[in-house]
Amino acid sequence: MPETRESEALIRNMRAMRIAAIIGSLRSQSYNRKLAAIATDILLRQNVEVDLIDLKMLPLPIYDGDVESEKGLPDATWKLKARLAACHGILIVSPEYNGGVPGGLKNAIDWSSRGEGNPWQGKAVALMGASTGMWGTTRMMPHLRQTMTVLGALVIPEQINVPH
């Protein structure tokens, strides 16, 4: 019986798993926001902490190396980097725009890769996406996977793609 109490105490004292969930769409009624809400609900029921990162709420300018060299990284970049670094893994839920990664999502990824520290390095990253088209997000996923791999993320081989 003492072993059980010690095990239970150890489990209670363990830091909860924390996942950052990034919504790649800026549209307030997007299917990807709805898909992220479903995924977040499932994670929360598993006692996983979720940090929902809404790109619409991040005041990031379009990435410009001149801005970076003259003014440094915007405050929103440091906040994003800190939120990503504080998580064990990252879930990206994104539509595809013209077969590629949406500009807002790519911009946030680009800014977060700048400056000291790489919050993507060694992080498990899961990819999900929804689209009204028959292909869903299958054309965008390889682009996003490649970017994440270049940043040192460990992209989960399986992905969720919701067409129609």
N, C-alpha and C. Protein backbone atom coordinates (compact mmCIF):
# COMPACT_ATOMS: atom_id res chain seq x y z
N MET A 1 0.79 -1.21 0.00
CA MET A 1 0.00 0.00 0.00
C MET A 1 0.84 1.28 0.00
N PRO A 2 1.95 1.35 0.75
CA PRO A 2 2.77 2.56 0.71
C PRO A 2 3.28 2.87 -0.69
N GLU A 3 3.62 1.84 -1.49
CA GLU A 3 4.09 2.08 -2.85
C GLU A 3 3.03 2.78 -3.68
N THR A 4 1.77 2.41 -3.48
CA THR A 4 0.68 3.03 -4.23
C THR A 4 0.56 4.50 -3.85
N ARG A 5 0.64 4.82 -2.58
CA ARG A 5 0.55 6.22 -2.14
C ARG A 5 1.72 7.03 -2.70
N GLU A 6 2.91 6.44 -2.67
CA GLU A 6 4.07 7.15 -3.21
C GLU A 6 3.92 7.37 -4.71
N SER A 7 3.42 6.38 -5.41
CA SER A 7 3.21 6.50 -6.85
C SER A 7 2.17 7.57 -7.15
N GLU A 8 1.08 7.57 -6.40
CA GLU A 8 0.04 8.57 -6.61
C GLU A 8 0.57 9.97 -6.33
N ALA A 9 1.38 10.13 -5.28
CA ALA A 9 1.95 11.43 -4.96
C ALA A 9 2.90 11.87 -6.07
N LEU A 10 3.68 10.95 -6.59
CA LEU A 10 4.61 11.27 -7.68
C LEU A 10 3.84 11.74 -8.91
N ILE A 11 2.77 11.04 -9.24
CA ILE A 11 1.96 11.40 -10.41
C ILE A 11 1.34 12.77 -10.22
N ARG A 12 0.82 13.07 -9.03
CA ARG A 12 0.21 14.37 -8.76
C ARG A 12 1.23 15.51 -8.87
N ASN A 13 2.47 15.24 -8.50
CA ASN A 13 3.49 16.27 -8.52
C ASN A 13 4.17 16.44 -9.87
N MET A 14 3.92 15.52 -10.78
CA MET A 14 4.51 15.64 -12.12
C MET A 14 3.90 16.84 -12.83
N ARG A 15 4.72 17.52 -13.57
CA ARG A 15 4.23 18.64 -14.36
C ARG A 15 3.30 18.11 -15.44
N ALA A 16 2.15 18.72 -15.58
CA ALA A 16 1.19 18.29 -16.60
C ALA A 16 1.77 18.52 -17.99
N MET A 17 1.37 17.67 -18.92
CA MET A 17 1.79 17.87 -20.30
C MET A 17 1.12 19.14 -20.81
N ARG A 18 1.87 19.93 -21.54
CA ARG A 18 1.38 21.21 -22.05
C ARG A 18 1.59 21.24 -23.55
N ILE A 19 0.52 21.52 -24.29
CA ILE A 19 0.55 21.57 -25.74
C ILE A 19 0.15 22.96 -26.20
N ALA A 20 0.89 23.51 -27.13
CA ALA A 20 0.49 24.75 -27.79
C ALA A 20 -0.33 24.37 -29.01
N ALA A 21 -1.49 24.95 -29.16
CA ALA A 21 -2.34 24.70 -30.32
C ALA A 21 -2.42 26.00 -31.12
N ILE A 22 -1.88 25.96 -32.33
CA ILE A 22 -1.84 27.15 -33.18
C ILE A 22 -2.90 27.01 -34.27
N ILE A 23 -3.75 28.01 -34.37
CA ILE A 23 -4.76 28.02 -35.43
C ILE A 23 -4.20 28.82 -36.60
N GLY A 24 -4.06 28.17 -37.74
CA GLY A 24 -3.44 28.81 -38.91
C GLY A 24 -4.37 29.69 -39.71
N SER A 25 -5.64 29.76 -39.33
CA SER A 25 -6.60 30.61 -40.03
C SER A 25 -6.92 31.83 -39.19
N LEU A 26 -7.07 32.97 -39.82
CA LEU A 26 -7.44 34.20 -39.11
C LEU A 26 -8.96 34.39 -39.07
N ARG A 27 -9.68 33.70 -39.93
CA ARG A 27 -11.13 33.87 -40.04
C ARG A 27 -11.82 33.38 -38.77
N SER A 28 -12.70 34.20 -38.21
CA SER A 28 -13.33 33.89 -36.92
C SER A 28 -14.21 32.65 -36.96
N GLN A 29 -14.82 32.36 -38.09
CA GLN A 29 -15.70 31.19 -38.20
C GLN A 29 -15.08 30.06 -39.03
N SER A 30 -13.76 29.99 -39.05
CA SER A 30 -13.10 29.00 -39.91
C SER A 30 -13.33 27.58 -39.41
N TYR A 31 -13.32 26.67 -40.34
CA TYR A 31 -13.44 25.25 -39.99
C TYR A 31 -12.25 24.80 -39.15
N ASN A 32 -11.10 25.42 -39.36
CA ASN A 32 -9.92 25.05 -38.60
C ASN A 32 -10.01 25.50 -37.15
N ARG A 33 -10.69 26.61 -36.88
CA ARG A 33 -10.95 27.00 -35.49
C ARG A 33 -11.84 25.96 -34.82
N LYS A 34 -12.84 25.49 -35.57
CA LYS A 34 -13.74 24.47 -35.04
C LYS A 34 -12.99 23.16 -34.81
N LEU A 35 -12.14 22.79 -35.75
CA LEU A 35 -11.34 21.57 -35.61
C LEU A 35 -10.38 21.69 -34.42
N ALA A 36 -9.78 22.86 -34.24
CA ALA A 36 -8.89 23.09 -33.10
C ALA A 36 -9.67 23.01 -31.79
N ALA A 37 -10.91 23.50 -31.78
CA ALA A 37 -11.74 23.42 -30.57
C ALA A 37 -12.03 21.97 -30.21
N ILE A 38 -12.31 21.14 -31.20
CA ILE A 38 -12.56 19.71 -30.95
C ILE A 38 -11.29 19.06 -30.39
N ALA A 39 -10.15 19.31 -31.03
CA ALA A 39 -8.89 18.73 -30.57
C ALA A 39 -8.54 19.20 -29.16
N THR A 40 -8.75 20.49 -28.91
CA THR A 40 -8.47 21.05 -27.59
C THR A 40 -9.34 20.40 -26.53
N ASP A 41 -10.62 20.21 -26.84
CA ASP A 41 -11.54 19.57 -25.90
C ASP A 41 -11.07 18.15 -25.56
N ILE A 42 -10.63 17.42 -26.57
CA ILE A 42 -10.12 16.05 -26.34
C ILE A 42 -8.88 16.09 -25.46
N LEU A 43 -7.96 17.00 -25.75
CA LEU A 43 -6.74 17.11 -24.94
C LEU A 43 -7.06 17.49 -23.49
N LEU A 44 -7.96 18.44 -23.31
CA LEU A 44 -8.31 18.86 -21.95
C LEU A 44 -8.93 17.71 -21.15
N ARG A 45 -9.73 16.87 -21.82
CA ARG A 45 -10.32 15.71 -21.14
C ARG A 45 -9.26 14.68 -20.75
N GLN A 46 -8.09 14.76 -21.37
CA GLN A 46 -6.97 13.88 -21.03
C GLN A 46 -6.02 14.55 -20.03
N ASN A 47 -6.47 15.64 -19.41
CA ASN A 47 -5.69 16.42 -18.44
C ASN A 47 -4.42 17.02 -19.03
N VAL A 48 -4.48 17.38 -20.30
CA VAL A 48 -3.37 18.06 -20.96
C VAL A 48 -3.67 19.55 -20.91
N GLU A 49 -2.69 20.34 -20.51
CA GLU A 49 -2.85 21.79 -20.55
C GLU A 49 -2.69 22.24 -22.00
N VAL A 50 -3.55 23.15 -22.44
CA VAL A 50 -3.49 23.64 -23.81
C VAL A 50 -3.34 25.15 -23.81
N ASP A 51 -2.33 25.63 -24.52
CA ASP A 51 -2.14 27.06 -24.74
C ASP A 51 -2.60 27.34 -26.16
N LEU A 52 -3.80 27.88 -26.31
CA LEU A 52 -4.36 28.16 -27.62
C LEU A 52 -3.76 29.46 -28.15
N ILE A 53 -3.02 29.36 -29.24
CA ILE A 53 -2.36 30.52 -29.83
C ILE A 53 -3.16 30.96 -31.05
N ASP A 54 -3.81 32.11 -30.90
CA ASP A 54 -4.63 32.67 -31.95
C ASP A 54 -3.81 33.73 -32.70
N LEU A 55 -3.42 33.43 -33.91
CA LEU A 55 -2.58 34.34 -34.68
C LEU A 55 -3.24 35.69 -34.90
N LYS A 56 -4.56 35.72 -34.87
CA LYS A 56 -5.27 36.98 -35.05
C LYS A 56 -4.98 37.95 -33.89
N MET A 57 -4.61 37.39 -32.75
CA MET A 57 -4.34 38.20 -31.56
C MET A 57 -2.86 38.57 -31.43
N LEU A 58 -2.02 38.08 -32.33
CA LEU A 58 -0.59 38.40 -32.29
C LEU A 58 -0.29 39.57 -33.24
N PRO A 59 0.11 40.70 -32.72
CA PRO A 59 0.40 41.84 -33.60
C PRO A 59 1.78 41.74 -34.24
N LEU A 60 1.92 40.78 -35.15
CA LEU A 60 3.20 40.60 -35.84
C LEU A 60 3.18 41.27 -37.20
N PRO A 61 4.16 42.11 -37.48
CA PRO A 61 4.24 42.68 -38.83
C PRO A 61 4.71 41.59 -39.79
N ILE A 62 4.59 41.84 -41.08
CA ILE A 62 5.13 40.92 -42.07
C ILE A 62 6.63 40.87 -41.86
N TYR A 63 7.19 39.65 -41.87
CA TYR A 63 8.63 39.52 -41.59
C TYR A 63 9.43 40.35 -42.59
N ASP A 64 10.38 41.10 -42.05
CA ASP A 64 11.26 41.95 -42.85
C ASP A 64 12.60 42.00 -42.13
N GLY A 65 13.64 41.49 -42.78
CA GLY A 65 14.97 41.48 -42.20
C GLY A 65 15.48 42.86 -41.84
N ASP A 66 15.04 43.89 -42.58
CA ASP A 66 15.45 45.26 -42.26
C ASP A 66 14.84 45.69 -40.92
N VAL A 67 13.58 45.35 -40.71
CA VAL A 67 12.92 45.67 -39.43
C VAL A 67 13.66 44.96 -38.29
N GLU A 68 13.98 43.70 -38.52
CA GLU A 68 14.69 42.93 -37.49
C GLU A 68 16.04 43.56 -37.17
N SER A 69 16.82 43.93 -38.19
CA SER A 69 18.15 44.48 -37.93
C SER A 69 18.11 45.89 -37.35
N GLU A 70 17.10 46.68 -37.69
CA GLU A 70 17.01 48.05 -37.20
C GLU A 70 16.34 48.15 -35.82
N LYS A 71 15.30 47.35 -35.60
CA LYS A 71 14.50 47.48 -34.38
C LYS A 71 14.54 46.23 -33.49
N GLY A 72 15.12 45.15 -33.99
CA GLY A 72 15.09 43.90 -33.24
C GLY A 72 13.76 43.20 -33.43
N LEU A 73 13.56 42.16 -32.65
CA LEU A 73 12.31 41.39 -32.77
C LEU A 73 11.17 42.13 -32.08
N PRO A 74 9.98 42.11 -32.69
CA PRO A 74 8.83 42.71 -32.02
C PRO A 74 8.53 41.97 -30.71
N ASP A 75 7.95 42.68 -29.74
CA ASP A 75 7.60 42.07 -28.46
C ASP A 75 6.74 40.83 -28.64
N ALA A 76 5.83 40.87 -29.62
CA ALA A 76 4.95 39.72 -29.87
C ALA A 76 5.75 38.47 -30.24
N THR A 77 6.88 38.66 -30.90
CA THR A 77 7.73 37.52 -31.26
C THR A 77 8.30 36.86 -30.01
N TRP A 78 8.81 37.67 -29.09
CA TRP A 78 9.38 37.11 -27.85
C TRP A 78 8.30 36.39 -27.04
N LYS A 79 7.09 36.95 -27.04
CA LYS A 79 5.98 36.31 -26.31
C LYS A 79 5.62 34.98 -26.96
N LEU A 80 5.56 34.96 -28.29
CA LEU A 80 5.26 33.72 -29.02
C LEU A 80 6.34 32.68 -28.76
N LYS A 81 7.60 33.07 -28.84
CA LYS A 81 8.72 32.15 -28.61
C LYS A 81 8.64 31.56 -27.20
N ALA A 82 8.32 32.39 -26.21
CA ALA A 82 8.23 31.92 -24.83
C ALA A 82 7.09 30.94 -24.67
N ARG A 83 5.95 31.22 -25.30
CA ARG A 83 4.80 30.31 -25.20
C ARG A 83 5.12 28.96 -25.85
N LEU A 84 5.78 28.99 -26.99
CA LEU A 84 6.15 27.74 -27.66
C LEU A 84 7.19 26.97 -26.85
N ALA A 85 8.16 27.68 -26.31
CA ALA A 85 9.23 27.04 -25.53
C ALA A 85 8.68 26.39 -24.26
N ALA A 86 7.60 26.93 -23.71
CA ALA A 86 7.02 26.41 -22.47
C ALA A 86 6.19 25.15 -22.68
N CYS A 87 6.01 24.74 -23.93
CA CYS A 87 5.18 23.58 -24.23
C CYS A 87 6.02 22.35 -24.54
N HIS A 88 5.43 21.19 -24.27
CA HIS A 88 6.08 19.92 -24.59
C HIS A 88 5.93 19.58 -26.07
N GLY A 89 4.83 20.00 -26.66
CA GLY A 89 4.55 19.71 -28.05
C GLY A 89 3.66 20.78 -28.64
N ILE A 90 3.49 20.73 -29.96
CA ILE A 90 2.73 21.76 -30.66
C ILE A 90 1.78 21.10 -31.65
N LEU A 91 0.55 21.59 -31.65
CA LEU A 91 -0.47 21.16 -32.61
C LEU A 91 -0.74 22.34 -33.52
N ILE A 92 -0.58 22.13 -34.83
CA ILE A 92 -0.89 23.17 -35.79
C ILE A 92 -2.13 22.73 -36.57
N VAL A 93 -3.16 23.57 -36.53
CA VAL A 93 -4.42 23.30 -37.23
C VAL A 93 -4.59 24.40 -38.27
N SER A 94 -4.47 24.02 -39.55
CA SER A 94 -4.40 25.06 -40.57
C SER A 94 -5.11 24.67 -41.86
N PRO A 95 -5.70 25.67 -42.52
CA PRO A 95 -6.20 25.44 -43.88
C PRO A 95 -5.03 25.51 -44.85
N GLU A 96 -5.33 25.32 -46.13
CA GLU A 96 -4.33 25.59 -47.14
C GLU A 96 -4.85 26.71 -48.01
N TYR A 97 -3.95 27.59 -48.40
CA TYR A 97 -4.30 28.69 -49.30
C TYR A 97 -3.53 28.48 -50.60
N ASN A 98 -4.25 28.28 -51.67
CA ASN A 98 -3.65 28.05 -52.99
C ASN A 98 -2.61 26.93 -52.93
N GLY A 99 -2.92 25.89 -52.18
CA GLY A 99 -2.05 24.73 -52.10
C GLY A 99 -0.88 24.89 -51.14
N GLY A 100 -0.80 26.01 -50.43
CA GLY A 100 0.34 26.25 -49.55
C GLY A 100 -0.08 26.66 -48.14
N VAL A 101 0.93 27.01 -47.36
CA VAL A 101 0.74 27.42 -45.97
C VAL A 101 0.19 28.85 -45.96
N PRO A 102 -0.86 29.12 -45.17
CA PRO A 102 -1.39 30.49 -45.08
C PRO A 102 -0.31 31.48 -44.66
N GLY A 103 -0.35 32.67 -45.23
CA GLY A 103 0.67 33.69 -44.98
C GLY A 103 0.82 34.05 -43.51
N GLY A 104 -0.29 34.19 -42.79
CA GLY A 104 -0.22 34.56 -41.37
C GLY A 104 0.51 33.52 -40.55
N LEU A 105 0.24 32.24 -40.83
CA LEU A 105 0.91 31.16 -40.11
C LEU A 105 2.39 31.13 -40.45
N LYS A 106 2.72 31.22 -41.74
CA LYS A 106 4.12 31.20 -42.15
C LYS A 106 4.88 32.39 -41.56
N ASN A 107 4.24 33.54 -41.50
CA ASN A 107 4.85 34.73 -40.93
C ASN A 107 5.18 34.52 -39.45
N ALA A 108 4.24 33.94 -38.71
CA ALA A 108 4.47 33.68 -37.28
C ALA A 108 5.61 32.68 -37.09
N ILE A 109 5.64 31.65 -37.94
CA ILE A 109 6.72 30.67 -37.86
C ILE A 109 8.06 31.35 -38.16
N ASP A 110 8.09 32.18 -39.20
CA ASP A 110 9.33 32.85 -39.58
C ASP A 110 9.82 33.76 -38.46
N TRP A 111 8.95 34.58 -37.88
CA TRP A 111 9.37 35.45 -36.78
C TRP A 111 9.86 34.62 -35.59
N SER A 112 9.15 33.53 -35.28
CA SER A 112 9.52 32.74 -34.10
C SER A 112 10.87 32.04 -34.25
N SER A 113 11.33 31.91 -35.49
CA SER A 113 12.62 31.25 -35.73
C SER A 113 13.80 32.21 -35.61
N ARG A 114 13.52 33.49 -35.45
CA ARG A 114 14.56 34.51 -35.42
C ARG A 114 15.02 34.77 -33.99
N GLY A 115 16.18 35.40 -33.84
CA GLY A 115 16.69 35.74 -32.51
C GLY A 115 17.23 34.53 -31.77
N GLU A 116 17.53 34.74 -30.51
CA GLU A 116 18.10 33.67 -29.70
C GLU A 116 17.06 32.59 -29.40
N GLY A 117 17.52 31.36 -29.44
CA GLY A 117 16.67 30.23 -29.10
C GLY A 117 15.74 29.83 -30.23
N ASN A 118 15.56 28.55 -30.40
CA ASN A 118 14.66 28.01 -31.40
C ASN A 118 13.59 27.20 -30.67
N PRO A 119 12.39 27.74 -30.50
CA PRO A 119 11.36 27.04 -29.74
C PRO A 119 10.82 25.80 -30.43
N TRP A 120 11.16 25.59 -31.68
CA TRP A 120 10.69 24.42 -32.43
C TRP A 120 11.63 23.21 -32.27
N GLN A 121 12.89 23.47 -31.94
CA GLN A 121 13.92 22.43 -31.89
C GLN A 121 13.51 21.30 -30.95
N GLY A 122 13.41 20.09 -31.47
CA GLY A 122 13.13 18.91 -30.67
C GLY A 122 11.70 18.77 -30.19
N LYS A 123 10.82 19.68 -30.60
CA LYS A 123 9.41 19.60 -30.17
C LYS A 123 8.63 18.67 -31.09
N ALA A 124 7.77 17.86 -30.49
CA ALA A 124 6.85 17.05 -31.28
C ALA A 124 5.79 17.99 -31.84
N VAL A 125 5.54 17.88 -33.14
CA VAL A 125 4.55 18.74 -33.81
C VAL A 125 3.56 17.85 -34.54
N ALA A 126 2.28 18.09 -34.27
CA ALA A 126 1.20 17.37 -34.96
C ALA A 126 0.52 18.34 -35.91
N LEU A 127 0.12 17.83 -37.08
CA LEU A 127 -0.51 18.66 -38.10
C LEU A 127 -1.94 18.21 -38.37
N MET A 128 -2.84 19.18 -38.42
CA MET A 128 -4.24 18.93 -38.75
C MET A 128 -4.71 20.04 -39.68
N GLY A 129 -5.71 19.74 -40.49
CA GLY A 129 -6.26 20.79 -41.31
C GLY A 129 -7.60 20.40 -41.89
N ALA A 130 -8.43 21.42 -42.15
CA ALA A 130 -9.74 21.22 -42.74
C ALA A 130 -9.94 22.20 -43.89
N SER A 131 -10.65 21.75 -44.90
CA SER A 131 -10.93 22.59 -46.05
C SER A 131 -12.23 22.11 -46.70
N THR A 132 -12.92 23.01 -47.36
CA THR A 132 -14.16 22.62 -48.04
C THR A 132 -13.90 21.86 -49.34
N GLY A 133 -12.69 21.90 -49.84
CA GLY A 133 -12.36 21.24 -51.10
C GLY A 133 -12.22 19.73 -50.95
N MET A 134 -12.20 19.07 -52.11
CA MET A 134 -12.11 17.61 -52.11
C MET A 134 -10.73 17.11 -51.68
N TRP A 135 -9.70 17.96 -51.76
CA TRP A 135 -8.35 17.55 -51.38
C TRP A 135 -8.04 17.90 -49.93
N GLY A 136 -8.92 18.66 -49.31
CA GLY A 136 -8.66 19.07 -47.93
C GLY A 136 -7.39 19.90 -47.87
N THR A 137 -6.47 19.51 -47.02
CA THR A 137 -5.21 20.25 -46.87
C THR A 137 -4.01 19.41 -47.27
N THR A 138 -4.24 18.41 -48.11
CA THR A 138 -3.16 17.49 -48.49
C THR A 138 -2.03 18.15 -49.25
N ARG A 139 -2.30 19.22 -49.99
CA ARG A 139 -1.23 19.88 -50.75
C ARG A 139 -0.38 20.77 -49.86
N MET A 140 -0.97 21.34 -48.80
CA MET A 140 -0.25 22.24 -47.90
C MET A 140 0.63 21.48 -46.92
N MET A 141 0.18 20.32 -46.49
CA MET A 141 0.87 19.58 -45.42
C MET A 141 2.35 19.32 -45.71
N PRO A 142 2.74 18.90 -46.91
CA PRO A 142 4.18 18.68 -47.14
C PRO A 142 5.01 19.96 -46.99
N HIS A 143 4.45 21.11 -47.38
CA HIS A 143 5.17 22.38 -47.23
C HIS A 143 5.38 22.70 -45.75
N LEU A 144 4.32 22.55 -44.97
CA LEU A 144 4.40 22.83 -43.54
C LEU A 144 5.34 21.83 -42.84
N ARG A 145 5.23 20.59 -43.23
CA ARG A 145 6.11 19.54 -42.68
C ARG A 145 7.58 19.86 -42.98
N GLN A 146 7.87 20.30 -44.19
CA GLN A 146 9.25 20.63 -44.56
C GLN A 146 9.77 21.80 -43.71
N THR A 147 8.96 22.84 -43.55
CA THR A 147 9.38 23.99 -42.75
C THR A 147 9.65 23.55 -41.31
N MET A 148 8.76 22.76 -40.75
CA MET A 148 8.94 22.30 -39.36
C MET A 148 10.21 21.45 -39.22
N THR A 149 10.46 20.60 -40.20
CA THR A 149 11.65 19.75 -40.17
C THR A 149 12.93 20.58 -40.23
N VAL A 150 12.95 21.60 -41.09
CA VAL A 150 14.11 22.49 -41.19
C VAL A 150 14.38 23.17 -39.85
N LEU A 151 13.31 23.47 -39.09
CA LEU A 151 13.45 24.12 -37.78
C LEU A 151 13.80 23.14 -36.67
N GLY A 152 13.94 21.86 -37.00
CA GLY A 152 14.34 20.88 -36.00
C GLY A 152 13.20 20.26 -35.22
N ALA A 153 11.97 20.51 -35.65
CA ALA A 153 10.81 19.89 -34.99
C ALA A 153 10.74 18.42 -35.37
N LEU A 154 10.12 17.66 -34.51
CA LEU A 154 9.89 16.23 -34.76
C LEU A 154 8.44 16.09 -35.17
N VAL A 155 8.19 16.13 -36.47
CA VAL A 155 6.83 16.12 -36.98
C VAL A 155 6.28 14.70 -36.96
N ILE A 156 5.13 14.55 -36.32
CA ILE A 156 4.48 13.23 -36.23
C ILE A 156 4.10 12.79 -37.64
N PRO A 157 4.46 11.56 -38.02
CA PRO A 157 4.21 11.11 -39.40
C PRO A 157 2.74 11.16 -39.81
N GLU A 158 1.82 10.77 -38.92
CA GLU A 158 0.40 10.80 -39.25
C GLU A 158 -0.10 12.23 -39.13
N GLN A 159 -1.03 12.56 -40.00
CA GLN A 159 -1.64 13.89 -39.95
C GLN A 159 -3.14 13.72 -40.15
N ILE A 160 -3.90 14.71 -39.73
CA ILE A 160 -5.35 14.67 -39.89
C ILE A 160 -5.73 15.69 -40.94
N ASN A 161 -6.41 15.23 -41.96
CA ASN A 161 -6.83 16.06 -43.08
C ASN A 161 -8.33 15.86 -43.27
N VAL A 162 -9.09 16.94 -43.12
CA VAL A 162 -10.55 16.86 -43.21
C VAL A 162 -11.02 17.60 -44.47
N PRO A 163 -11.39 16.85 -45.52
CA PRO A 163 -11.92 17.50 -46.73
C PRO A 163 -13.43 17.76 -46.60
N HIS A 164 -13.97 18.48 -47.57
CA HIS A 164 -15.41 18.76 -47.68
C HIS A 164 -15.97 19.41 -46.45
